[in-house]
Amino acid sequence: MPQSLSRILVHLIFSTKDRSPVLTPEISIQLYPYAATVLRDMGCPALQVGGHTDHLHLLFGLSRTLSIAETVEHIKTTSSKWLKTKSPALSHFHWQLGYGSFSIGSSQADDVIKYITNQSEHHRKMTFQEEYRKFLERYQVPYDERYVWD
């Protein structure tokens, strides 16, 4: 086959350092499109970016030439540097060290988009930690609670 093609959808989740609730609506309204642009420029088109005060959810198509780790490193580094310029209160901003990435079938994309879009409503009932544990369990990812949070 002369052409390399792929369609791998990834639901990426990561938190602010110590789950600090610094992603205000004023910041998020700029952060989400910024993150989508960074992903697009990497060849990873975003289907949806959203989150809550202490974490992000990104649904995107993974570039056929990048690994998940490379993609995560770039999006976290770039967005962290950008966030630090937005407010003196964010001058020491950091994302948590880890992340969760989960494969999504194309038939699940609409449901995941709705899930990401409704994060504020969702988090009236559940903390980020509870949500993240549910993802790990749903996707059967073995984990050690001692090392999940930083």
Protein backbone atom coordinates (compact mmCIF):
# COMPACT_ATOMS: atom_id res chain seq x y z
CA MET A 1 0.00 0.00 0.00
CA PRO A 2 1.70 3.24 -1.11
CA GLN A 3 -0.07 5.54 1.37
CA SER A 4 -0.08 5.32 5.18
CA LEU A 5 -3.47 6.10 6.70
CA SER A 6 -4.84 5.88 10.21
CA ARG A 7 -7.77 6.96 12.35
CA ILE A 8 -6.97 6.54 16.03
CA LEU A 9 -9.16 8.61 18.35
CA VAL A 10 -7.74 9.36 21.78
CA HIS A 11 -9.50 10.67 24.88
CA LEU A 12 -6.75 12.35 26.89
CA ILE A 13 -7.26 13.46 30.49
CA PHE A 14 -4.85 15.30 32.76
CA SER A 15 -5.07 17.55 35.78
CA THR A 16 -3.51 20.69 37.10
CA LYS A 17 -0.70 20.14 39.61
CA ASP A 18 -2.25 19.10 42.94
CA ARG A 19 -5.64 19.49 41.22
CA SER A 20 -5.49 23.22 41.84
CA PRO A 21 -8.78 24.78 40.64
CA VAL A 22 -7.21 27.54 38.51
CA LEU A 23 -8.95 26.91 35.19
CA THR A 24 -11.60 29.58 35.60
CA PRO A 25 -14.25 30.15 32.94
CA GLU A 26 -12.32 33.24 31.79
CA ILE A 27 -9.16 31.19 31.28
CA SER A 28 -10.92 28.09 29.91
CA ILE A 29 -12.73 30.02 27.19
CA GLN A 30 -9.28 30.83 25.78
CA LEU A 31 -7.50 27.62 26.78
CA TYR A 32 -9.79 25.19 24.96
CA PRO A 33 -9.40 26.78 21.51
CA TYR A 34 -5.68 27.25 22.15
CA ALA A 35 -5.25 23.55 22.95
CA ALA A 36 -7.28 22.59 19.86
CA THR A 37 -5.00 24.77 17.72
CA VAL A 38 -1.85 23.21 19.19
CA LEU A 39 -3.25 19.74 18.46
CA ARG A 40 -4.23 20.72 14.92
CA ASP A 41 -0.76 22.12 14.27
CA MET A 42 0.69 18.76 15.39
CA GLY A 43 -1.48 16.89 12.89
CA CYS A 44 -3.81 15.72 15.67
CA PRO A 45 -7.19 17.28 14.84
CA ALA A 46 -9.26 17.99 17.95
CA LEU A 47 -12.86 16.84 18.00
CA GLN A 48 -13.54 18.38 21.44
CA VAL A 49 -11.59 20.10 24.20
CA GLY A 50 -13.12 20.84 27.57
CA GLY A 51 -12.76 20.26 31.23
CA HIS A 52 -13.35 21.72 34.62
CA THR A 53 -11.50 23.95 37.05
CA ASP A 54 -8.77 21.39 37.74
CA HIS A 55 -8.43 19.24 34.61
CA LEU A 56 -8.72 18.90 30.84
CA HIS A 57 -10.33 16.39 28.53
CA LEU A 58 -9.16 16.33 24.92
CA LEU A 59 -10.64 14.14 22.19
CA PHE A 60 -8.48 14.11 19.09
CA GLY A 61 -7.23 12.05 16.20
CA LEU A 62 -3.67 10.90 16.82
CA SER A 63 -1.18 11.79 14.10
CA ARG A 64 0.18 8.70 12.40
CA THR A 65 3.73 10.00 13.01
CA LEU A 66 3.54 10.85 16.74
CA SER A 67 3.29 8.77 19.87
CA ILE A 68 0.83 9.51 22.66
CA ALA A 69 3.76 10.47 24.91
CA GLU A 70 5.13 12.98 22.37
CA THR A 71 1.69 14.47 21.86
CA VAL A 72 1.02 14.80 25.60
CA GLU A 73 4.43 16.33 26.28
CA HIS A 74 3.93 18.94 23.58
CA ILE A 75 0.35 19.89 24.51
CA LYS A 76 1.20 20.13 28.22
CA THR A 77 4.43 22.08 27.71
CA THR A 78 2.96 24.49 25.20
CA SER A 79 -0.25 25.14 27.11
CA SER A 80 1.60 25.52 30.42
CA LYS A 81 3.88 28.20 28.96
CA TRP A 82 0.87 29.93 27.41
CA LEU A 83 -1.15 29.83 30.67
CA LYS A 84 1.73 31.42 32.59
CA THR A 85 1.41 34.52 30.37
CA LYS A 86 -2.31 34.95 31.01
CA SER A 87 -2.28 36.09 34.63
CA PRO A 88 0.17 36.79 37.45
CA ALA A 89 -1.82 34.22 39.45
CA LEU A 90 -0.78 31.59 36.87
CA SER A 91 2.91 32.51 36.73
CA HIS A 92 3.84 29.28 38.53
CA PHE A 93 1.28 27.07 36.76
CA HIS A 94 2.03 23.38 36.17
CA TRP A 95 0.12 20.37 34.92
CA GLN A 96 0.33 17.11 36.89
CA LEU A 97 3.11 14.81 35.74
CA GLY A 98 0.87 11.95 34.61
CA TYR A 99 -2.07 11.56 32.28
CA GLY A 100 -4.64 9.05 31.12
CA SER A 101 -5.15 8.25 27.47
CA PHE A 102 -7.93 6.03 26.25
CA SER A 103 -8.77 4.73 22.79
CA ILE A 104 -12.17 5.65 21.43
CA GLY A 105 -13.98 3.99 18.56
CA SER A 106 -15.43 6.28 15.92
CA SER A 107 -18.91 5.14 16.92
CA GLN A 108 -18.24 6.44 20.46
CA ALA A 109 -17.03 9.89 19.40
CA ASP A 110 -20.40 11.67 19.69
CA ASP A 111 -20.92 10.33 23.22
CA VAL A 112 -17.44 11.41 24.29
CA ILE A 113 -17.95 14.86 22.77
CA LYS A 114 -21.16 15.23 24.80
CA TYR A 115 -19.38 13.98 27.92
CA ILE A 116 -16.59 16.54 27.53
CA THR A 117 -19.03 19.34 26.73
CA ASN A 118 -20.99 18.65 29.94
CA GLN A 119 -18.05 18.62 32.35
CA SER A 120 -19.34 21.42 34.62
CA GLU A 121 -22.64 19.63 35.13
CA HIS A 122 -20.91 16.28 35.56
CA HIS A 123 -18.61 17.61 38.28
CA ARG A 124 -21.46 18.81 40.44
CA LYS A 125 -21.86 15.14 41.35
CA MET A 126 -18.33 13.73 41.14
CA THR A 127 -14.77 14.89 41.85
CA PHE A 128 -11.97 14.63 39.33
CA GLN A 129 -10.40 11.80 41.33
CA GLU A 130 -13.65 9.80 41.30
CA GLU A 131 -14.08 10.43 37.58
CA TYR A 132 -10.51 9.42 36.78
CA ARG A 133 -10.73 6.20 38.82
CA LYS A 134 -13.91 5.30 36.89
CA PHE A 135 -12.06 5.73 33.59
CA LEU A 136 -9.21 3.55 34.79
CA GLU A 137 -11.65 0.87 35.89
CA ARG A 138 -13.81 1.09 32.75
CA TYR A 139 -10.76 0.70 30.52
CA GLN A 140 -9.28 -1.99 32.79
CA VAL A 141 -6.08 -0.05 33.42
CA PRO A 142 -4.21 -1.45 36.42
CA TYR A 143 -3.02 1.30 38.75
CA ASP A 144 -1.56 1.89 42.17
CA GLU A 145 -3.38 4.64 44.05
CA ARG A 146 -0.09 5.76 45.61
CA TYR A 147 1.25 6.84 42.22
CA VAL A 148 -1.81 8.20 40.45
CA TRP A 149 -1.82 11.62 42.09
CA ASP A 150 0.99 14.14 42.31
